[in-house]
């Protein structure tokens, strides 16, 4: 569920918002990415650990990357798709098992 919320917030961020929203978005995406990387590390999915770890570093609010809006927009869409896809894939595989 946290990945779904983070993914939807990233898509919401494609629209103009106040600056505090983007700061909050960094905290949320960084936290969800770090937690997801940790969870994937526990089950031995090293590729997913690297992806979500890189996302956590990219969105970290302490030492932020300053990119232009033109760069952030496609990055946000890709990360939102990754969050949503991984959440639904995990939920589907849990239903099968």
Protein backbone atom coordinates (compact mmCIF):
# COMPACT_ATOMS: atom_id res chain seq x y z
CA UNK A 1 0.00 0.00 0.00
CA UNK A 2 2.78 2.56 0.69
CA UNK A 3 4.14 2.07 -2.86
CA UNK A 4 0.70 2.71 -4.31
CA UNK A 5 0.33 5.92 -2.31
CA UNK A 6 3.85 7.07 -3.24
CA UNK A 7 3.21 6.27 -6.91
CA UNK A 8 -0.02 8.23 -6.93
CA UNK A 9 1.64 11.17 -5.17
CA UNK A 10 4.41 11.14 -7.78
CA UNK A 11 1.76 11.35 -10.51
CA UNK A 12 0.01 14.13 -8.59
CA UNK A 13 3.36 15.94 -8.57
CA UNK A 14 3.21 16.25 -12.36
CA UNK A 15 0.70 19.05 -11.83
CA UNK A 16 1.72 22.42 -10.41
CA UNK A 17 1.85 22.31 -6.61
CA UNK A 18 3.28 24.40 -3.83
CA UNK A 19 6.95 23.84 -3.00
CA UNK A 20 6.24 22.21 0.40
CA UNK A 21 4.40 19.41 -1.43
CA UNK A 22 7.59 18.51 -3.30
CA UNK A 23 9.62 18.51 -0.08
CA UNK A 24 7.07 16.19 1.52
CA UNK A 25 7.13 14.06 -1.64
CA UNK A 26 10.90 13.63 -1.29
CA UNK A 27 10.50 12.37 2.28
CA UNK A 28 7.73 9.97 1.32
CA UNK A 29 9.42 8.58 -1.80
CA UNK A 30 12.78 8.25 -0.06
CA UNK A 31 11.24 6.47 2.92
CA UNK A 32 9.08 4.13 0.86
CA UNK A 33 12.01 3.34 -1.46
CA UNK A 34 14.35 2.63 1.43
CA UNK A 35 11.82 0.40 3.14
CA UNK A 36 11.03 -1.43 -0.10
CA UNK A 37 14.75 -1.99 -0.75
CA UNK A 38 15.07 -3.39 2.77
CA UNK A 39 12.11 -5.73 2.25
CA UNK A 40 13.52 -6.98 -1.06
CA UNK A 41 16.93 -7.50 0.57
CA UNK A 42 15.27 -9.77 3.12
CA UNK A 43 13.93 -12.05 0.40
CA UNK A 44 17.10 -11.95 -1.70
CA UNK A 45 15.92 -9.93 -4.71
CA UNK A 46 19.16 -8.05 -5.28
CA UNK A 47 18.13 -6.33 -8.52
CA UNK A 48 15.10 -4.75 -6.85
CA UNK A 49 17.27 -3.70 -3.90
CA UNK A 50 19.53 -1.73 -6.25
CA UNK A 51 16.61 -0.09 -8.06
CA UNK A 52 14.80 1.01 -4.93
CA UNK A 53 18.06 1.97 -3.20
CA UNK A 54 18.94 4.23 -6.13
CA UNK A 55 15.49 5.80 -5.98
CA UNK A 56 15.95 6.46 -2.24
CA UNK A 57 19.26 8.20 -2.94
CA UNK A 58 17.80 10.23 -5.81
CA UNK A 59 14.86 11.47 -3.74
CA UNK A 60 16.68 11.89 -0.42
CA UNK A 61 15.65 15.14 1.26
CA UNK A 62 18.90 15.66 3.21
CA UNK A 63 21.29 16.01 0.25
CA UNK A 64 18.84 16.63 -2.60
CA UNK A 65 19.59 16.41 -6.29
CA UNK A 66 18.57 19.63 -7.98
CA UNK A 67 17.28 18.83 -11.43
CA UNK A 68 15.12 20.88 -13.78
CA UNK A 69 11.40 20.27 -14.04
CA UNK A 70 11.92 18.88 -17.54
CA UNK A 71 14.15 16.16 -16.09
CA UNK A 72 12.05 15.48 -12.99
CA UNK A 73 8.81 14.91 -14.95
CA UNK A 74 9.89 11.74 -16.80
CA UNK A 75 11.81 10.51 -13.73
CA UNK A 76 8.67 10.92 -11.61
CA UNK A 77 6.58 9.04 -14.17
CA UNK A 78 9.08 6.17 -14.38
CA UNK A 79 9.38 5.89 -10.61
CA UNK A 80 5.58 6.02 -10.21
CA UNK A 81 5.21 3.21 -12.76
CA UNK A 82 7.87 1.17 -10.96
CA UNK A 83 6.15 1.67 -7.59
CA UNK A 84 2.71 0.77 -8.92
CA UNK A 85 3.93 -2.17 -10.99
CA UNK A 86 5.92 -3.67 -8.12
CA UNK A 87 3.03 -3.23 -5.68
CA UNK A 88 0.48 -4.86 -7.97
CA UNK A 89 2.89 -7.60 -9.02
CA UNK A 90 3.62 -8.46 -5.40
CA UNK A 91 -0.07 -8.40 -4.51
CA UNK A 92 -0.93 -10.66 -7.47
CA UNK A 93 1.78 -13.18 -6.60
CA UNK A 94 0.60 -13.22 -2.95
CA UNK A 95 -2.93 -14.07 -4.15
CA UNK A 96 -1.62 -16.98 -6.22
CA UNK A 97 0.47 -18.48 -3.41
